N, C-alpha and C. Protein backbone atom coordinates (compact mmCIF):
# COMPACT_ATOMS: atom_id res chain seq x y z
N UNK A 1 -11.45 -9.05 5.34
CA UNK A 1 -12.24 -7.84 5.24
C UNK A 1 -13.33 -7.83 6.30
N UNK A 2 -13.89 -6.70 6.50
CA UNK A 2 -14.92 -6.49 7.51
C UNK A 2 -16.29 -6.95 7.00
N UNK A 3 -17.14 -7.40 7.91
CA UNK A 3 -18.55 -7.67 7.52
C UNK A 3 -19.21 -6.37 7.04
N UNK A 4 -20.35 -6.52 6.38
CA UNK A 4 -21.02 -5.38 5.73
C UNK A 4 -21.33 -4.22 6.69
N UNK A 5 -21.86 -4.50 7.87
CA UNK A 5 -22.23 -3.42 8.80
C UNK A 5 -20.99 -2.66 9.26
N UNK A 6 -19.93 -3.39 9.59
CA UNK A 6 -18.69 -2.74 10.03
C UNK A 6 -18.08 -1.90 8.91
N UNK A 7 -18.11 -2.43 7.71
CA UNK A 7 -17.57 -1.67 6.56
C UNK A 7 -18.38 -0.41 6.33
N UNK A 8 -19.70 -0.50 6.49
CA UNK A 8 -20.57 0.65 6.32
C UNK A 8 -20.21 1.76 7.32
N UNK A 9 -20.02 1.38 8.57
CA UNK A 9 -19.64 2.36 9.61
C UNK A 9 -18.28 2.97 9.30
N UNK A 10 -17.31 2.12 8.93
CA UNK A 10 -15.97 2.63 8.62
C UNK A 10 -15.94 3.59 7.44
N UNK A 11 -16.61 3.22 6.37
CA UNK A 11 -16.66 4.09 5.19
C UNK A 11 -17.42 5.37 5.50
N UNK A 12 -18.53 5.23 6.22
CA UNK A 12 -19.29 6.43 6.60
C UNK A 12 -18.48 7.38 7.44
N UNK A 13 -17.79 6.85 8.45
CA UNK A 13 -16.95 7.68 9.31
C UNK A 13 -15.87 8.37 8.48
N UNK A 14 -15.18 7.60 7.65
CA UNK A 14 -14.08 8.12 6.82
C UNK A 14 -14.58 9.24 5.93
N UNK A 15 -15.65 8.97 5.19
CA UNK A 15 -16.14 9.95 4.21
C UNK A 15 -16.70 11.19 4.89
N UNK A 16 -17.42 11.01 5.99
CA UNK A 16 -18.00 12.17 6.64
C UNK A 16 -16.91 13.05 7.25
N UNK A 17 -15.92 12.43 7.88
CA UNK A 17 -14.83 13.21 8.48
C UNK A 17 -14.02 13.93 7.38
N UNK A 18 -13.75 13.24 6.28
CA UNK A 18 -13.06 13.87 5.16
C UNK A 18 -13.85 15.06 4.64
N UNK A 19 -15.15 14.93 4.59
CA UNK A 19 -16.00 16.05 4.15
C UNK A 19 -15.86 17.24 5.07
N UNK A 20 -15.85 16.99 6.38
CA UNK A 20 -15.65 18.09 7.34
C UNK A 20 -14.26 18.70 7.19
N UNK A 21 -13.25 17.84 7.02
CA UNK A 21 -11.87 18.31 6.96
C UNK A 21 -11.53 19.06 5.68
N UNK A 22 -12.16 18.67 4.57
CA UNK A 22 -11.81 19.25 3.28
C UNK A 22 -12.88 20.18 2.69
N UNK A 23 -14.07 20.17 3.26
CA UNK A 23 -15.23 20.89 2.74
C UNK A 23 -15.61 20.42 1.32
N UNK A 24 -15.29 19.18 1.04
CA UNK A 24 -15.62 18.58 -0.28
C UNK A 24 -16.89 17.77 -0.12
N UNK A 25 -17.98 18.25 -0.69
CA UNK A 25 -19.26 17.57 -0.58
C UNK A 25 -19.23 16.20 -1.26
N UNK A 26 -18.30 15.99 -2.16
CA UNK A 26 -18.17 14.71 -2.83
C UNK A 26 -17.91 13.57 -1.84
N UNK A 27 -17.23 13.87 -0.75
CA UNK A 27 -17.00 12.85 0.28
C UNK A 27 -18.31 12.39 0.88
N UNK A 28 -19.21 13.34 1.14
CA UNK A 28 -20.50 13.00 1.72
C UNK A 28 -21.37 12.25 0.72
N UNK A 29 -21.21 12.58 -0.56
CA UNK A 29 -21.96 11.86 -1.58
C UNK A 29 -21.55 10.39 -1.65
N UNK A 30 -20.26 10.12 -1.45
CA UNK A 30 -19.80 8.74 -1.42
C UNK A 30 -20.46 7.99 -0.26
N UNK A 31 -20.52 8.63 0.90
CA UNK A 31 -21.17 8.01 2.07
C UNK A 31 -22.64 7.75 1.76
N UNK A 32 -23.34 8.73 1.18
CA UNK A 32 -24.74 8.57 0.86
C UNK A 32 -24.95 7.38 -0.07
N UNK A 33 -24.11 7.25 -1.09
CA UNK A 33 -24.23 6.14 -2.04
C UNK A 33 -24.06 4.80 -1.34
N UNK A 34 -23.08 4.72 -0.45
CA UNK A 34 -22.84 3.45 0.30
C UNK A 34 -24.05 3.10 1.16
N UNK A 35 -24.54 4.07 1.93
CA UNK A 35 -25.65 3.81 2.83
C UNK A 35 -26.94 3.54 2.06
N UNK A 36 -27.17 4.31 1.03
CA UNK A 36 -28.38 4.14 0.22
C UNK A 36 -28.40 2.76 -0.44
N UNK A 37 -27.25 2.32 -0.91
CA UNK A 37 -27.13 0.99 -1.53
C UNK A 37 -27.38 -0.10 -0.49
N UNK A 38 -26.90 0.11 0.73
CA UNK A 38 -27.00 -0.92 1.78
C UNK A 38 -28.39 -1.03 2.37
N UNK A 39 -29.06 0.10 2.59
CA UNK A 39 -30.34 0.07 3.33
C UNK A 39 -31.49 0.70 2.58
N UNK A 40 -31.22 1.25 1.42
CA UNK A 40 -32.26 1.97 0.67
C UNK A 40 -32.29 3.44 1.04
N UNK A 41 -32.75 4.30 0.13
CA UNK A 41 -32.73 5.75 0.36
C UNK A 41 -33.55 6.21 1.56
N UNK A 42 -34.69 5.61 1.80
CA UNK A 42 -35.54 6.03 2.92
C UNK A 42 -34.86 5.78 4.26
N UNK A 43 -34.30 4.60 4.44
CA UNK A 43 -33.60 4.28 5.70
C UNK A 43 -32.25 5.01 5.80
N UNK A 44 -31.67 5.35 4.67
CA UNK A 44 -30.37 6.03 4.68
C UNK A 44 -30.45 7.46 5.22
N UNK A 45 -31.58 8.13 5.03
CA UNK A 45 -31.72 9.52 5.47
C UNK A 45 -31.46 9.70 6.96
N UNK A 46 -32.17 8.99 7.86
CA UNK A 46 -31.88 9.17 9.28
C UNK A 46 -30.47 8.68 9.66
N UNK A 47 -29.97 7.70 8.95
CA UNK A 47 -28.59 7.24 9.21
C UNK A 47 -27.58 8.36 8.91
N UNK A 48 -27.80 9.06 7.82
CA UNK A 48 -26.90 10.16 7.46
C UNK A 48 -26.94 11.27 8.51
N UNK A 49 -28.12 11.54 9.02
CA UNK A 49 -28.26 12.57 10.05
C UNK A 49 -27.49 12.18 11.30
N UNK A 50 -27.68 10.94 11.74
CA UNK A 50 -26.98 10.48 12.97
C UNK A 50 -25.49 10.34 12.74
N UNK A 51 -25.10 9.89 11.55
CA UNK A 51 -23.68 9.80 11.21
C UNK A 51 -23.04 11.18 11.31
N UNK A 52 -23.67 12.18 10.70
CA UNK A 52 -23.14 13.54 10.70
C UNK A 52 -23.01 14.08 12.12
N UNK A 53 -24.01 13.85 12.95
CA UNK A 53 -23.97 14.32 14.34
C UNK A 53 -22.84 13.66 15.11
N UNK A 54 -22.69 12.35 14.92
CA UNK A 54 -21.63 11.61 15.63
C UNK A 54 -20.24 12.07 15.19
N UNK A 55 -20.02 12.15 13.87
CA UNK A 55 -18.70 12.55 13.38
C UNK A 55 -18.39 13.99 13.78
N UNK A 56 -19.38 14.87 13.76
CA UNK A 56 -19.17 16.25 14.20
C UNK A 56 -18.77 16.27 15.68
N UNK A 57 -19.41 15.47 16.50
CA UNK A 57 -19.08 15.40 17.93
C UNK A 57 -17.65 14.87 18.12
N UNK A 58 -17.29 13.89 17.34
CA UNK A 58 -15.90 13.37 17.41
C UNK A 58 -14.92 14.47 17.03
N UNK A 59 -15.16 15.11 15.92
CA UNK A 59 -14.25 16.16 15.45
C UNK A 59 -14.16 17.31 16.45
N UNK A 60 -15.30 17.74 16.99
CA UNK A 60 -15.31 18.87 17.93
C UNK A 60 -14.70 18.54 19.28
N UNK A 61 -14.80 17.27 19.69
CA UNK A 61 -14.29 16.87 21.00
C UNK A 61 -12.83 16.46 21.00
N UNK A 62 -12.33 16.06 19.84
CA UNK A 62 -10.98 15.51 19.75
C UNK A 62 -9.91 16.55 20.10
N UNK A 63 -8.94 16.09 20.83
CA UNK A 63 -7.80 16.95 21.15
C UNK A 63 -6.60 16.61 20.27
N UNK A 64 -6.85 15.91 19.21
CA UNK A 64 -5.82 15.58 18.22
C UNK A 64 -6.53 15.42 16.87
N UNK A 65 -5.74 15.42 15.81
CA UNK A 65 -6.32 15.24 14.48
C UNK A 65 -6.64 13.76 14.30
N UNK A 66 -7.88 13.49 13.94
CA UNK A 66 -8.32 12.12 13.66
C UNK A 66 -7.86 11.77 12.26
N UNK A 67 -7.23 10.63 12.13
CA UNK A 67 -6.70 10.20 10.85
C UNK A 67 -7.64 9.22 10.17
N UNK A 68 -7.78 9.37 8.85
CA UNK A 68 -8.55 8.42 8.06
C UNK A 68 -7.76 8.16 6.78
N UNK A 69 -7.99 7.00 6.21
CA UNK A 69 -7.39 6.65 4.93
C UNK A 69 -8.16 7.32 3.79
N UNK A 70 -7.58 7.40 2.60
CA UNK A 70 -8.30 7.95 1.44
C UNK A 70 -9.55 7.11 1.16
N UNK A 71 -10.54 7.74 0.56
CA UNK A 71 -11.85 7.11 0.33
C UNK A 71 -11.75 5.79 -0.40
N UNK A 72 -10.84 5.68 -1.35
CA UNK A 72 -10.76 4.48 -2.17
C UNK A 72 -10.01 3.33 -1.50
N UNK A 73 -9.42 3.54 -0.35
CA UNK A 73 -8.64 2.52 0.34
C UNK A 73 -9.55 1.40 0.82
N UNK A 74 -9.13 0.16 0.67
CA UNK A 74 -9.93 -1.00 1.07
C UNK A 74 -9.78 -1.35 2.54
N UNK A 75 -8.71 -0.88 3.17
CA UNK A 75 -8.46 -1.19 4.59
C UNK A 75 -8.84 0.01 5.44
N UNK A 76 -8.88 -0.22 6.74
CA UNK A 76 -9.16 0.86 7.69
C UNK A 76 -7.95 1.08 8.58
N UNK A 77 -7.68 2.35 8.89
CA UNK A 77 -6.58 2.70 9.77
C UNK A 77 -7.01 2.56 11.24
N UNK A 78 -6.10 2.80 12.14
CA UNK A 78 -6.35 2.68 13.57
C UNK A 78 -7.55 3.50 14.03
N UNK A 79 -7.58 4.77 13.66
CA UNK A 79 -8.68 5.63 14.11
C UNK A 79 -10.03 5.15 13.56
N UNK A 80 -10.05 4.73 12.32
CA UNK A 80 -11.28 4.21 11.74
C UNK A 80 -11.74 2.93 12.47
N UNK A 81 -10.79 2.07 12.81
CA UNK A 81 -11.13 0.85 13.56
C UNK A 81 -11.63 1.18 14.95
N UNK A 82 -11.06 2.18 15.59
CA UNK A 82 -11.57 2.62 16.89
C UNK A 82 -13.00 3.12 16.77
N UNK A 83 -13.28 3.87 15.72
CA UNK A 83 -14.64 4.39 15.50
C UNK A 83 -15.63 3.23 15.28
N UNK A 84 -15.23 2.25 14.48
CA UNK A 84 -16.09 1.09 14.23
C UNK A 84 -16.35 0.36 15.56
N UNK A 85 -15.30 0.13 16.34
CA UNK A 85 -15.44 -0.55 17.62
C UNK A 85 -16.32 0.23 18.59
N UNK A 86 -16.21 1.54 18.55
CA UNK A 86 -17.02 2.38 19.42
C UNK A 86 -18.52 2.20 19.13
N UNK A 87 -18.88 2.15 17.86
CA UNK A 87 -20.29 1.95 17.49
C UNK A 87 -20.73 0.53 17.85
N UNK A 88 -19.87 -0.46 17.61
CA UNK A 88 -20.23 -1.83 17.99
C UNK A 88 -20.42 -1.93 19.49
N UNK A 89 -19.58 -1.29 20.26
CA UNK A 89 -19.69 -1.33 21.73
C UNK A 89 -20.99 -0.67 22.18
N UNK A 90 -21.40 0.39 21.50
CA UNK A 90 -22.70 1.00 21.83
C UNK A 90 -23.84 0.07 21.52
N UNK A 91 -23.78 -0.60 20.38
CA UNK A 91 -24.86 -1.53 20.02
C UNK A 91 -24.98 -2.68 21.00
N UNK A 92 -23.85 -3.08 21.58
CA UNK A 92 -23.86 -4.25 22.48
C UNK A 92 -23.72 -3.85 23.94
N UNK A 93 -23.90 -2.57 24.23
CA UNK A 93 -23.93 -2.04 25.61
C UNK A 93 -22.73 -2.49 26.45
N UNK A 94 -21.55 -2.34 25.90
CA UNK A 94 -20.33 -2.65 26.64
C UNK A 94 -19.61 -1.37 27.01
N UNK A 95 -20.08 -0.76 28.09
CA UNK A 95 -19.63 0.57 28.51
C UNK A 95 -18.12 0.72 28.62
N UNK A 96 -17.43 -0.14 29.33
CA UNK A 96 -15.97 0.10 29.43
C UNK A 96 -15.30 0.13 28.05
N UNK A 97 -15.79 -0.70 27.13
CA UNK A 97 -15.18 -0.75 25.81
C UNK A 97 -15.43 0.52 25.01
N UNK A 98 -16.69 1.02 25.01
CA UNK A 98 -16.90 2.22 24.19
C UNK A 98 -16.24 3.43 24.78
N UNK A 99 -16.13 3.48 26.10
CA UNK A 99 -15.41 4.59 26.74
C UNK A 99 -13.91 4.52 26.40
N UNK A 100 -13.34 3.33 26.46
CA UNK A 100 -11.90 3.16 26.14
C UNK A 100 -11.63 3.52 24.68
N UNK A 101 -12.50 3.08 23.78
CA UNK A 101 -12.33 3.42 22.36
C UNK A 101 -12.47 4.92 22.13
N UNK A 102 -13.42 5.53 22.81
CA UNK A 102 -13.63 6.98 22.66
C UNK A 102 -12.43 7.77 23.17
N UNK A 103 -11.91 7.40 24.31
CA UNK A 103 -10.73 8.10 24.88
C UNK A 103 -9.54 7.94 23.94
N UNK A 104 -9.33 6.72 23.44
CA UNK A 104 -8.21 6.50 22.52
C UNK A 104 -8.40 7.27 21.22
N UNK A 105 -9.61 7.31 20.70
CA UNK A 105 -9.88 8.01 19.44
C UNK A 105 -9.72 9.51 19.60
N UNK A 106 -10.29 10.06 20.66
CA UNK A 106 -10.31 11.52 20.84
C UNK A 106 -9.05 12.08 21.47
N UNK A 107 -8.31 11.25 22.17
CA UNK A 107 -7.11 11.73 22.84
C UNK A 107 -7.40 12.59 24.05
N UNK A 108 -8.57 12.37 24.68
CA UNK A 108 -8.96 13.12 25.87
C UNK A 108 -9.98 12.34 26.66
N UNK A 109 -10.32 12.85 27.84
CA UNK A 109 -11.29 12.21 28.69
C UNK A 109 -12.71 12.77 28.54
N UNK A 110 -12.86 13.86 27.83
CA UNK A 110 -14.17 14.48 27.61
C UNK A 110 -14.82 13.83 26.40
N UNK A 111 -15.45 12.70 26.62
CA UNK A 111 -15.96 11.89 25.51
C UNK A 111 -17.49 11.74 25.49
N UNK A 112 -18.18 12.37 26.43
CA UNK A 112 -19.62 12.15 26.55
C UNK A 112 -20.40 12.51 25.30
N UNK A 113 -20.10 13.64 24.70
CA UNK A 113 -20.84 14.06 23.49
C UNK A 113 -20.60 13.07 22.34
N UNK A 114 -19.37 12.62 22.18
CA UNK A 114 -19.04 11.66 21.13
C UNK A 114 -19.71 10.31 21.40
N UNK A 115 -19.75 9.90 22.67
CA UNK A 115 -20.42 8.64 23.01
C UNK A 115 -21.92 8.74 22.76
N UNK A 116 -22.52 9.86 23.11
CA UNK A 116 -23.94 10.05 22.85
C UNK A 116 -24.24 9.98 21.35
N UNK A 117 -23.39 10.64 20.55
CA UNK A 117 -23.56 10.57 19.10
C UNK A 117 -23.40 9.16 18.55
N UNK A 118 -22.38 8.43 19.06
CA UNK A 118 -22.17 7.05 18.63
C UNK A 118 -23.35 6.18 19.02
N UNK A 119 -23.88 6.39 20.21
CA UNK A 119 -25.01 5.60 20.69
C UNK A 119 -26.25 5.86 19.83
N UNK A 120 -26.53 7.11 19.49
CA UNK A 120 -27.67 7.42 18.62
C UNK A 120 -27.51 6.82 17.24
N UNK A 121 -26.29 6.90 16.70
CA UNK A 121 -26.00 6.31 15.40
C UNK A 121 -26.14 4.79 15.46
N UNK A 122 -25.65 4.18 16.53
CA UNK A 122 -25.71 2.73 16.69
C UNK A 122 -27.17 2.25 16.74
N UNK A 123 -28.02 2.99 17.45
CA UNK A 123 -29.45 2.63 17.52
C UNK A 123 -30.10 2.74 16.13
N UNK A 124 -29.77 3.80 15.44
CA UNK A 124 -30.33 4.02 14.10
C UNK A 124 -29.87 2.92 13.14
N UNK A 125 -28.62 2.51 13.26
CA UNK A 125 -28.11 1.39 12.44
C UNK A 125 -28.90 0.12 12.74
N UNK A 126 -29.09 -0.15 14.01
CA UNK A 126 -29.84 -1.34 14.42
C UNK A 126 -31.25 -1.31 13.82
N UNK A 127 -31.89 -0.15 13.91
CA UNK A 127 -33.25 0.01 13.35
C UNK A 127 -33.27 -0.26 11.84
N UNK A 128 -32.16 0.01 11.18
CA UNK A 128 -32.06 -0.22 9.72
C UNK A 128 -31.56 -1.63 9.40
N UNK A 129 -31.45 -2.48 10.42
CA UNK A 129 -31.01 -3.86 10.21
C UNK A 129 -29.51 -4.03 10.08
N UNK A 130 -28.75 -3.04 10.49
CA UNK A 130 -27.28 -3.09 10.40
C UNK A 130 -26.72 -3.29 11.81
N UNK A 131 -26.46 -4.53 12.17
CA UNK A 131 -25.96 -4.88 13.48
C UNK A 131 -24.51 -5.33 13.37
N UNK A 132 -23.63 -4.67 14.09
CA UNK A 132 -22.23 -5.02 14.08
C UNK A 132 -21.99 -6.24 14.98
N UNK A 133 -20.99 -6.99 14.68
CA UNK A 133 -20.66 -8.20 15.43
C UNK A 133 -20.19 -7.85 16.84
N UNK A 134 -20.56 -8.63 17.85
CA UNK A 134 -20.04 -8.40 19.20
C UNK A 134 -18.50 -8.49 19.22
N UNK A 135 -17.95 -9.31 18.35
CA UNK A 135 -16.48 -9.43 18.29
C UNK A 135 -15.79 -8.15 17.86
N UNK A 136 -16.50 -7.31 17.14
CA UNK A 136 -15.93 -6.04 16.69
C UNK A 136 -15.64 -5.13 17.85
N UNK A 137 -16.37 -5.29 18.95
CA UNK A 137 -16.14 -4.48 20.15
C UNK A 137 -14.69 -4.67 20.60
N UNK A 138 -14.22 -5.88 20.55
CA UNK A 138 -12.90 -6.20 21.08
C UNK A 138 -11.77 -5.87 20.13
N UNK A 139 -12.10 -5.60 18.87
CA UNK A 139 -11.10 -5.18 17.90
C UNK A 139 -10.41 -3.91 18.39
N UNK A 140 -11.20 -3.00 18.97
CA UNK A 140 -10.66 -1.73 19.44
C UNK A 140 -9.78 -1.87 20.66
N UNK A 141 -9.95 -2.94 21.43
CA UNK A 141 -9.18 -3.12 22.65
C UNK A 141 -7.66 -3.16 22.37
N UNK A 142 -7.29 -3.77 21.30
CA UNK A 142 -5.88 -3.84 20.93
C UNK A 142 -5.34 -2.56 20.34
N UNK A 143 -6.20 -1.58 20.16
CA UNK A 143 -5.80 -0.34 19.51
C UNK A 143 -5.72 0.85 20.47
N UNK A 144 -5.94 0.62 21.74
CA UNK A 144 -5.94 1.74 22.68
C UNK A 144 -4.53 2.10 23.11
N UNK A 145 -3.53 1.39 22.60
CA UNK A 145 -2.12 1.74 22.83
C UNK A 145 -1.70 2.80 21.81
N UNK A 146 -0.51 3.39 21.96
CA UNK A 146 -0.09 4.42 21.02
C UNK A 146 -0.15 3.97 19.57
N UNK A 147 -0.41 4.91 18.69
CA UNK A 147 -0.59 4.62 17.27
C UNK A 147 0.71 4.23 16.60
N UNK A 148 0.58 3.29 15.68
CA UNK A 148 1.69 2.95 14.79
C UNK A 148 1.25 3.30 13.39
N UNK A 149 2.12 3.93 12.62
CA UNK A 149 1.78 4.30 11.25
C UNK A 149 1.73 3.05 10.40
N UNK A 150 0.73 2.97 9.55
CA UNK A 150 0.64 1.86 8.62
C UNK A 150 0.18 2.43 7.27
N UNK A 151 0.43 1.67 6.25
CA UNK A 151 0.10 2.13 4.90
C UNK A 151 -1.24 1.58 4.47
N UNK A 152 -1.90 2.29 3.61
CA UNK A 152 -3.21 1.92 3.09
C UNK A 152 -3.13 0.60 2.33
């Protein structure tokens, strides 16, 4: 399983994107509960704002449908892992890696807005004491090839 910070990013990305895709506010409430439990309600507020901005930028910039697993799934799919790696790469300032993850996730070369959102979210996570492992950056490197379907 993923360390706590990586899991937080993956669940947040999944729930926020599902909320945008389904218009079900319950998805966002799940994200709020996870973040609030991890960092407390006060620190969770700015995290939710940055998470929402980043996921909106991903959704708006993507030239393909971003896939996520159901909220209750314990594993993360390819797109969720790319999103986690993208945030880790921003936290550790590894430009080629976050650009590669962004291009693979979005299916296009116009990734600046999504990278800016990921970078802002990554900084806010760091401020809240949620630092992703440098090794997580390289998790996405093996995922920039074409997608393979896998089960939850």
